[in-house]
C-alpha atoms as a PDB file:
ATOM      1  CA  MET A   1     155.831 132.855 196.591  1.00  0.00           C
ATOM      2  CA  ILE A   2     158.553 134.007 199.072  1.00  0.00           C
ATOM      3  CA  SER A   3     160.900 134.980 196.257  1.00  0.00           C
ATOM      4  CA  THR A   4     158.376 137.422 194.881  1.00  0.00           C
ATOM      5  CA  PHE A   5     158.090 139.018 198.417  1.00  0.00           C
ATOM      6  CA  ILE A   6     161.750 139.317 198.655  1.00  0.00           C
ATOM      7  CA  ILE A   7     161.929 141.061 195.404  1.00  0.00           C
ATOM      8  CA  GLU A   8     158.944 143.354 195.989  1.00  0.00           C
ATOM      9  CA  ASN A   9     160.226 144.265 199.537  1.00  0.00           C
ATOM     10  CA  TYR A  10     164.033 144.351 199.081  1.00  0.00           C
ATOM     11  CA  VAL A  11     164.830 147.158 201.615  1.00  0.00           C
ATOM     12  CA  LEU A  12     162.343 145.746 204.245  1.00  0.00           C
ATOM     13  CA  VAL A  13     163.894 142.237 203.867  1.00  0.00           C
ATOM     14  CA  ARG A  14     167.355 143.699 204.215  1.00  0.00           C
ATOM     15  CA  VAL A  15     166.359 145.771 207.367  1.00  0.00           C
ATOM     16  CA  ILE A  16     164.806 142.439 208.759  1.00  0.00           C
ATOM     17  CA  LEU A  17     167.937 140.470 208.125  1.00  0.00           C
ATOM     18  CA  VAL A  18     170.097 142.856 209.894  1.00  0.00           C
ATOM     19  CA  VAL A  19     167.798 143.068 213.018  1.00  0.00           C
ATOM     20  CA  ALA A  20     167.781 139.242 212.981  1.00  0.00           C
ATOM     21  CA  ALA A  21     171.566 139.062 212.727  1.00  0.00           C
ATOM     22  CA  VAL A  22     171.973 141.397 215.645  1.00  0.00           C
ATOM     23  CA  ALA A  23     169.497 139.562 217.750  1.00  0.00           C
ATOM     24  CA  ALA A  24     171.291 136.155 216.859  1.00  0.00           C
ATOM     25  CA  VAL A  25     174.483 137.335 218.167  1.00  0.00           C
ATOM     26  CA  VAL A  26     173.020 138.990 221.382  1.00  0.00           C
ATOM     27  CA  LEU A  27     171.164 135.519 221.844  1.00  0.00           C
ATOM     28  CA  CYS A  28     174.473 133.697 221.189  1.00  0.00           C
ATOM     29  CA  ALA A  29     176.165 135.983 223.959  1.00  0.00           C
ATOM     30  CA  LEU A  30     173.371 135.423 226.381  1.00  0.00           C
ATOM     31  CA  LEU A  31     173.661 131.578 225.803  1.00  0.00           C
ATOM     32  CA  VAL A  32     177.495 131.485 226.009  1.00  0.00           C
ATOM     33  CA  ARG A  33     177.098 133.154 229.497  1.00  0.00           C
ATOM     34  CA  ALA A  34     174.444 130.678 230.492  1.00  0.00           C
ATOM     35  CA  GLY A  35     176.610 127.838 230.793  1.00  0.00           C
ATOM     36  CA  ARG A  36     175.326 124.276 230.591  1.00  0.00           C
ATOM     37  CA  THR A  37     171.798 125.489 229.942  1.00  0.00           C
ATOM     38  CA  GLY A  38     172.916 127.832 227.245  1.00  0.00           C
ATOM     39  CA  ARG A  39     174.792 125.031 225.670  1.00  0.00           C
ATOM     40  CA  ARG A  40     171.656 122.786 225.619  1.00  0.00           C
ATOM     41  CA  LEU A  41     169.421 125.785 224.302  1.00  0.00           C
ATOM     42  CA  SER A  42     172.029 126.402 221.548  1.00  0.00           C
ATOM     43  CA  GLY A  43     171.944 122.650 220.655  1.00  0.00           C
ATOM     44  CA  VAL A  44     168.226 122.863 220.075  1.00  0.00           C
ATOM     45  CA  ILE A  45     168.444 126.175 218.067  1.00  0.00           C
ATOM     46  CA  ALA A  46     171.163 124.651 215.956  1.00  0.00           C
ATOM     47  CA  ALA A  47     168.985 121.617 215.371  1.00  0.00           C
ATOM     48  CA  VAL A  48     166.163 123.536 214.375  1.00  0.00           C
ATOM     49  CA  ALA A  49     168.120 125.659 212.109  1.00  0.00           C
ATOM     50  CA  LEU A  50     169.589 122.307 210.518  1.00  0.00           C
ATOM     51  CA  VAL A  51     166.062 121.134 209.779  1.00  0.00           C
ATOM     52  CA  VAL A  52     165.174 124.450 208.193  1.00  0.00           C
ATOM     53  CA  VAL A  53     168.330 124.218 206.077  1.00  0.00           C
ATOM     54  CA  LEU A  54     167.417 120.541 205.021  1.00  0.00           C
ATOM     55  CA  GLY A  55     163.995 121.558 204.274  1.00  0.00           C
ATOM     56  CA  LEU A  56     164.968 124.467 202.171  1.00  0.00           C
ATOM     57  CA  THR A  57     167.623 122.566 200.164  1.00  0.00           C
ATOM     58  CA  LEU A  58     165.957 119.288 199.586  1.00  0.00           C
ATOM     59  CA  ALA A  59     162.241 119.933 199.273  1.00  0.00           C
ATOM     60  CA  PRO A  60     160.942 119.377 195.836  1.00  0.00           C
ATOM     61  CA  ASP A  61     161.225 122.769 193.753  1.00  0.00           C
ATOM     62  CA  SER A  62     160.132 122.465 190.275  1.00  0.00           C
ATOM     63  CA  GLU A  63     160.293 120.289 187.355  1.00  0.00           C
ATOM     64  CA  PRO A  64     162.905 117.162 187.405  1.00  0.00           C
ATOM     65  CA  THR A  65     166.298 118.261 186.193  1.00  0.00           C
ATOM     66  CA  TYR A  66     167.284 115.039 184.373  1.00  0.00           C
ATOM     67  CA  GLY A  67     170.764 115.185 182.916  1.00  0.00           C
ATOM     68  CA  ALA A  68     171.334 118.813 184.242  1.00  0.00           C
ATOM     69  CA  GLY A  69     174.576 117.778 186.005  1.00  0.00           C
ATOM     70  CA  CYS A  70     176.432 119.997 188.365  1.00  0.00           C
ATOM     71  CA  TYR A  71     177.099 123.783 187.564  1.00  0.00           C
ATOM     72  CA  LEU A  72     180.810 124.039 188.571  1.00  0.00           C
ATOM     73  CA  GLN A  73     181.645 127.564 187.283  1.00  0.00           C
ATOM     74  CA  VAL A  74     182.374 129.666 190.481  1.00  0.00           C
ATOM     75  CA  ASP A  75     181.202 133.111 189.642  1.00  0.00           C
ATOM     76  CA  ARG A  76     178.680 134.477 192.004  1.00  0.00           C
ATOM     77  CA  PHE A  77     178.870 132.806 195.357  1.00  0.00           C
ATOM     78  CA  LEU A  78     179.371 135.894 197.436  1.00  0.00           C
ATOM     79  CA  ASN A  79     176.232 137.613 195.775  1.00  0.00           C
ATOM     80  CA  ASP A  80     174.311 134.663 197.190  1.00  0.00           C
ATOM     81  CA  GLU A  81     173.504 135.999 200.611  1.00  0.00           C
ATOM     82  CA  TRP A  82     170.647 133.727 201.251  1.00  0.00           C
ATOM     83  CA  ASN A  83     172.948 130.570 200.823  1.00  0.00           C
ATOM     84  CA  VAL A  84     175.395 132.404 203.274  1.00  0.00           C
ATOM     85  CA  ILE A  85     172.791 132.971 205.873  1.00  0.00           C
ATOM     86  CA  LEU A  86     171.406 129.535 205.563  1.00  0.00           C
ATOM     87  CA  PHE A  87     174.444 128.148 207.148  1.00  0.00           C
ATOM     88  CA  LEU A  88     175.457 131.136 209.346  1.00  0.00           C
ATOM     89  CA  LEU A  89     172.798 130.355 212.038  1.00  0.00           C
ATOM     90  CA  PRO A  90     173.383 126.619 212.589  1.00  0.00           C
ATOM     91  CA  ALA A  91     177.120 127.180 212.799  1.00  0.00           C
ATOM     92  CA  LEU A  92     176.791 130.052 215.208  1.00  0.00           C
ATOM     93  CA  PHE A  93     174.719 128.116 217.601  1.00  0.00           C
ATOM     94  CA  ALA A  94     176.428 124.804 217.043  1.00  0.00           C
ATOM     95  CA  VAL A  95     179.672 126.353 218.190  1.00  0.00           C
ATOM     96  CA  VAL A  96     178.162 127.472 221.491  1.00  0.00           C
ATOM     97  CA  ALA A  97     176.548 124.076 221.881  1.00  0.00           C
ATOM     98  CA  VAL A  98     179.536 121.960 221.293  1.00  0.00           C
ATOM     99  CA  ARG A  99     182.358 124.206 221.746  1.00  0.00           C
ATOM    100  CA  ARG A 100     184.414 122.701 218.989  1.00  0.00           C
ATOM    101  CA  PRO A 101     184.722 125.320 216.203  1.00  0.00           C
ATOM    102  CA  LEU A 102     186.797 123.120 213.778  1.00  0.00           C
ATOM    103  CA  LEU A 103     184.259 120.328 214.119  1.00  0.00           C
ATOM    104  CA  VAL A 104     181.564 122.635 213.453  1.00  0.00           C
ATOM    105  CA  LEU A 105     183.368 124.012 210.405  1.00  0.00           C
ATOM    106  CA  ALA A 106     184.229 120.668 208.958  1.00  0.00           C
ATOM    107  CA  GLY A 107     180.572 119.550 209.559  1.00  0.00           C
ATOM    108  CA  GLY A 108     179.003 122.677 207.788  1.00  0.00           C
ATOM    109  CA  LEU A 109     181.362 122.066 204.813  1.00  0.00           C
ATOM    110  CA  ILE A 110     180.647 118.326 204.586  1.00  0.00           C
ATOM    111  CA  LEU A 111     176.920 118.876 205.017  1.00  0.00           C
ATOM    112  CA  SER A 112     176.731 121.486 202.277  1.00  0.00           C
ATOM    113  CA  ALA A 113     178.782 119.091 199.957  1.00  0.00           C
ATOM    114  CA  LEU A 114     176.250 116.418 200.785  1.00  0.00           C
ATOM    115  CA  ILE A 115     173.308 118.527 200.057  1.00  0.00           C
ATOM    116  CA  GLU A 116     174.628 119.356 196.611  1.00  0.00           C
ATOM    117  CA  LEU A 117     175.381 115.726 196.015  1.00  0.00           C
ATOM    118  CA  VAL A 118     171.900 114.688 196.863  1.00  0.00           C
ATOM    119  CA  GLN A 119     170.629 117.532 194.549  1.00  0.00           C
ATOM    120  CA  LEU A 120     172.824 116.135 191.792  1.00  0.00           C
ATOM    121  CA  LEU A 121     171.688 112.413 192.493  1.00  0.00           C
ATOM    122  CA  THR A 122     168.076 113.116 192.621  1.00  0.00           C
ATOM    123  CA  PRO A 123     166.875 115.066 189.717  1.00  0.00           C
ATOM    124  CA  MET A 124     163.246 114.507 190.838  1.00  0.00           C
ATOM    125  CA  LEU A 125     163.693 117.252 193.294  1.00  0.00           C
ATOM    126  CA  GLY A 126     164.072 119.776 190.624  1.00  0.00           C
ATOM    127  CA  ARG A 127     167.232 121.217 192.415  1.00  0.00           C
ATOM    128  CA  LEU A 128     170.459 122.022 190.679  1.00  0.00           C
ATOM    129  CA  CYS A 129     173.827 120.888 192.096  1.00  0.00           C
ATOM    130  CA  ASP A 130     175.999 124.273 192.252  1.00  0.00           C
ATOM    131  CA  ALA A 131     179.412 124.887 193.283  1.00  0.00           C
ATOM    132  CA  ASP A 132     178.439 128.492 194.028  1.00  0.00           C
ATOM    133  CA  ASP A 133     175.773 127.168 196.585  1.00  0.00           C
ATOM    134  CA  TRP A 134     178.625 125.096 198.270  1.00  0.00           C
ATOM    135  CA  LEU A 135     180.927 128.060 198.513  1.00  0.00           C
ATOM    136  CA  ALA A 136     178.195 130.383 199.817  1.00  0.00           C
ATOM    137  CA  ASN A 137     177.163 127.796 202.369  1.00  0.00           C
ATOM    138  CA  GLY A 138     180.973 127.418 203.356  1.00  0.00           C
ATOM    139  CA  ALA A 139     181.167 131.134 203.587  1.00  0.00           C
ATOM    140  CA  GLY A 140     178.188 131.152 206.041  1.00  0.00           C
ATOM    141  CA  THR A 141     179.580 128.187 208.033  1.00  0.00           C
ATOM    142  CA  VAL A 142     182.927 130.213 208.348  1.00  0.00           C
ATOM    143  CA  ALA A 143     181.170 133.390 209.345  1.00  0.00           C
ATOM    144  CA  GLY A 144     178.958 131.592 211.939  1.00  0.00           C
ATOM    145  CA  VAL A 145     182.004 129.763 213.453  1.00  0.00           C
ATOM    146  CA  LEU A 146     184.046 133.197 213.623  1.00  0.00           C
ATOM    147  CA  VAL A 147     181.312 135.104 215.246  1.00  0.00           C
ATOM    148  CA  ALA A 148     180.655 132.398 217.764  1.00  0.00           C
ATOM    149  CA  MET A 149     184.215 132.420 218.593  1.00  0.00           C
ATOM    150  CA  ILE A 150     184.483 136.087 218.932  1.00  0.00           C
ATOM    151  CA  VAL A 151     181.355 136.340 221.087  1.00  0.00           C
ATOM    152  CA  ALA A 152     182.505 133.494 223.335  1.00  0.00           C
ATOM    153  CA  ALA A 153     185.986 135.212 223.813  1.00  0.00           C
ATOM    154  CA  ILE A 154     184.334 138.599 224.613  1.00  0.00           C
ATOM    155  CA  VAL A 155     182.088 136.954 227.104  1.00  0.00           C
ATOM    156  CA  GLU A 156     184.929 135.126 228.751  1.00  0.00           C
ATOM    157  CA  ARG A 157     187.133 138.236 228.891  1.00  0.00           C
ATOM    158  CA  PHE A 158     184.318 140.209 230.550  1.00  0.00           C
ATOM    159  CA  SER A 159     183.650 137.459 233.075  1.00  0.00           C
ATOM    160  CA  ARG A 160     187.301 137.410 234.037  1.00  0.00           C
ATOM    161  CA  ARG A 161     187.277 141.112 234.575  1.00  0.00           C
ATOM    162  CA  GLY A 162     184.179 140.817 236.671  1.00  0.00           C
ATOM    163  CA  LEU A 163     182.111 142.827 234.160  1.00  0.00           C
ATOM    164  CA  ILE A 164     179.629 139.827 234.245  1.00  0.00           C
ATOM    165  CA  SER A 165     178.337 138.414 237.526  1.00  0.00           C
ATOM    166  CA  PRO A 166     180.340 135.570 239.012  1.00  0.00           C
ATOM    167  CA  ARG A 167     177.352 133.279 239.310  1.00  0.00           C
ATOM    168  CA  ALA A 168     177.204 133.229 235.435  1.00  0.00           C
ATOM    169  CA  THR A 169     180.764 132.181 235.232  1.00  0.00           C
ATOM    170  CA  ARG A 170     180.400 129.253 237.868  1.00  0.00           C
ATOM    171  CA  ARG A 171     177.480 127.741 236.030  1.00  0.00           C
ATOM    172  CA  ARG A 172     179.466 127.417 232.755  1.00  0.00           C
ATOM    173  CA  GLY A 173     180.479 124.203 231.687  1.00  0.00           C
END
């Protein structure tokens, strides 16, 4: 299983995550610079990332959790980097695609809450509703939105100063 691989290769997995995060930010910058084409590609990447989110959070996991309820004690959400990362990428690329950071932020928080609600109402999935998961997903959404806004601002500033080719800024839109 993937969890066994992660545990047995802790350092390797962390290195891969850092490299992937840097690559995502670089790709984000390139897509911001690419104008309409970049927005379309960002939309595709965000949609694929959302499908992955739904697959990982709503696929049956184990035995049914009848009567399990929802774990509401908030005590470890910032230690749950996987749930943070899960929502970071869709938020990052969705901001580039729609250029509406507050809409993406609200959408990420609402989607995470809906996922937890579905997990609560469908015990046959074997998933547990957990407030920590919602908060970690929210932290990932916030991080993705902030990184996208920062990257967009930097690309815009460089293009105004002439550090990025004028043709790239004309195609923006």
